[in-house]
Protein backbone atom coordinates (compact mmCIF):
# COMPACT_ATOMS: atom_id res chain seq x y z
CA UNK A 1 0.16 -0.12 0.11
CA UNK A 2 2.75 2.49 0.72
CA UNK A 3 4.18 2.14 -2.84
CA UNK A 4 0.52 3.01 -4.29
CA UNK A 5 0.06 5.78 -1.84
CA UNK A 6 3.04 7.39 -2.54
CA UNK A 7 2.55 6.90 -6.32
CA UNK A 8 -0.69 8.67 -6.00
CA UNK A 9 0.32 11.48 -3.78
CA UNK A 10 3.29 12.18 -6.30
CA UNK A 11 0.62 12.33 -9.19
CA UNK A 12 -1.56 14.53 -7.33
CA UNK A 13 1.29 16.77 -6.24
CA UNK A 14 2.67 16.97 -9.81
CA UNK A 15 -0.80 17.86 -11.08
CA UNK A 16 -1.25 20.65 -8.62
CA UNK A 17 2.36 21.97 -9.70
CA UNK A 18 1.15 21.66 -13.23
CA UNK A 19 4.19 19.50 -13.64
CA UNK A 20 2.76 17.58 -16.65
CA UNK A 21 5.83 15.64 -17.39
CA UNK A 22 6.38 14.63 -13.67
CA UNK A 23 2.75 13.23 -13.64
CA UNK A 24 2.79 11.38 -17.01
CA UNK A 25 5.93 9.62 -15.66
CA UNK A 26 3.77 7.80 -13.27
CA UNK A 27 1.49 6.45 -15.71
CA UNK A 28 1.48 3.64 -18.18
CA UNK A 29 1.60 4.39 -22.12
CA UNK A 30 -2.03 3.57 -22.64
CA UNK A 31 -3.45 5.18 -19.43
CA UNK A 32 -7.24 5.67 -19.25
CA UNK A 33 -8.25 9.06 -17.79
CA UNK A 34 -11.81 10.97 -17.48
CA UNK A 35 -11.97 14.20 -18.83
CA UNK A 36 -13.93 15.80 -15.86
CA UNK A 37 -14.12 19.20 -17.37
CA UNK A 38 -15.48 18.10 -20.82
CA UNK A 39 -16.97 14.44 -20.36
CA UNK A 40 -15.98 11.37 -21.75
CA UNK A 41 -12.27 9.90 -21.48
CA UNK A 42 -9.03 10.39 -22.95
CA UNK A 43 -6.52 7.30 -23.50
CA UNK A 44 -2.57 7.63 -23.46
CA UNK A 45 -0.14 10.28 -22.28
CA UNK A 46 -0.34 12.88 -25.20
CA UNK A 47 -4.17 12.67 -24.95
CA UNK A 48 -3.95 13.57 -21.18
CA UNK A 49 -1.41 16.36 -21.76
CA UNK A 50 -3.32 17.89 -24.61
CA UNK A 51 -6.46 17.85 -22.10
CA UNK A 52 -4.78 18.88 -19.18
CA UNK A 53 -3.23 21.96 -21.18
CA UNK A 54 -7.14 22.72 -22.44
CA UNK A 55 -8.31 22.65 -18.94
CA UNK A 56 -5.68 24.63 -17.05
CA UNK A 57 -6.53 27.24 -19.84
CA UNK A 58 -9.97 27.50 -18.70
CA UNK A 59 -9.80 26.73 -14.92
CA UNK A 60 -7.57 26.30 -12.24
CA UNK A 61 -8.31 22.96 -10.43
CA UNK A 62 -6.44 22.02 -7.05
CA UNK A 63 -7.10 18.29 -5.83
CA UNK A 64 -5.57 17.53 -2.74
CA UNK A 65 -6.07 13.40 -1.54
CA UNK A 66 -7.98 13.20 2.05
CA UNK A 67 -8.05 9.48 2.22
CA UNK A 68 -6.51 6.67 0.29
CA UNK A 69 -7.94 3.10 0.60
CA UNK A 70 -6.83 0.11 -1.36
CA UNK A 71 -9.47 -2.24 -2.42
CA UNK A 72 -9.45 -5.73 -3.89
CA UNK A 73 -8.97 -6.07 -7.81
CA UNK A 74 -6.34 -3.70 -7.94
CA UNK A 75 -8.44 -0.64 -7.20
CA UNK A 76 -7.37 2.24 -5.07
CA UNK A 77 -10.06 4.59 -3.89
CA UNK A 78 -9.08 8.11 -3.05
CA UNK A 79 -11.16 10.73 -1.38
CA UNK A 80 -10.16 14.15 -2.77
CA UNK A 81 -11.06 17.72 -1.73
CA UNK A 82 -11.50 19.36 -5.16
CA UNK A 83 -11.25 23.18 -5.70
CA UNK A 84 -11.84 24.74 -8.86
CA UNK A 85 -11.39 28.43 -9.83
CA UNK A 86 -11.95 30.59 -12.60
CA UNK A 87 -8.59 32.03 -14.18
CA UNK A 88 -9.80 35.23 -12.41
CA UNK A 89 -9.58 33.41 -8.82
CA UNK A 90 -13.42 32.96 -8.34
CA UNK A 91 -14.33 29.89 -6.74
CA UNK A 92 -16.74 27.79 -9.28
CA UNK A 93 -16.67 24.54 -6.97
CA UNK A 94 -15.46 23.38 -3.66
CA UNK A 95 -16.17 19.87 -2.79
CA UNK A 96 -15.35 16.40 -2.02
CA UNK A 97 -14.79 13.94 -4.95
CA UNK A 98 -14.09 10.22 -4.99
CA UNK A 99 -11.20 9.12 -7.80
CA UNK A 100 -10.76 5.35 -8.28
CA UNK A 101 -7.31 4.54 -9.59
CA UNK A 102 -6.16 1.33 -11.03
CA UNK A 103 -2.36 0.75 -10.65
CA UNK A 104 -0.54 -1.92 -12.57
CA UNK A 105 3.09 -2.72 -12.27
CA UNK A 106 3.52 0.39 -10.22
CA UNK A 107 2.23 2.73 -12.46
CA UNK A 108 -1.11 4.34 -12.92
CA UNK A 109 -3.03 2.52 -15.67
CA UNK A 110 -6.66 4.08 -15.10
CA UNK A 111 -8.53 6.79 -13.11
CA UNK A 112 -12.16 7.13 -12.75
CA UNK A 113 -14.60 9.45 -11.33
CA UNK A 114 -16.21 7.21 -8.42
CA UNK A 115 -18.96 9.70 -7.52
CA UNK A 116 -20.34 9.75 -10.92
CA UNK A 117 -23.14 7.62 -12.12
CA UNK A 118 -22.08 7.99 -15.77
CA UNK A 119 -18.71 9.60 -16.15
CA UNK A 120 -18.71 9.26 -20.10
CA UNK A 121 -22.00 11.10 -20.36
CA UNK A 122 -20.77 14.87 -19.74
CA UNK A 123 -18.40 16.86 -17.62
CA UNK A 124 -18.55 16.90 -13.90
CA UNK A 125 -20.64 19.10 -11.90
CA UNK A 126 -17.47 20.97 -10.72
CA UNK A 127 -16.99 22.21 -14.07
CA UNK A 128 -20.41 22.92 -15.14
CA UNK A 129 -19.92 26.49 -14.59
CA UNK A 130 -18.21 27.29 -17.91
CA UNK A 131 -18.53 31.12 -19.07
């Protein structure tokens, strides 16, 4: 668990620092990632890079892990404090969300939104305040 916990904490830290290369280095080549601000998913490091660049051009998200719980089947649930601000600094969303990670061979292979009934359908409620 310590390795998985450290891996996930490093990924959040890199994301919050906008260190794309640092975050992507912790993922498999074919990693699957939800597009929380757009809806749907992206697969692969370059698609995640492009998505994050778009996202950070519209919003200022900050995610802080609160609790990390490893489950059977290689899943790790992370309760996260998610603060989303506009680029002007206005708070758009301040909430707790659930992220579910799949880790394979010491790297993040997938992340899913655990509190969304259908994360494929559309953007997370946190990003619904698009101007």
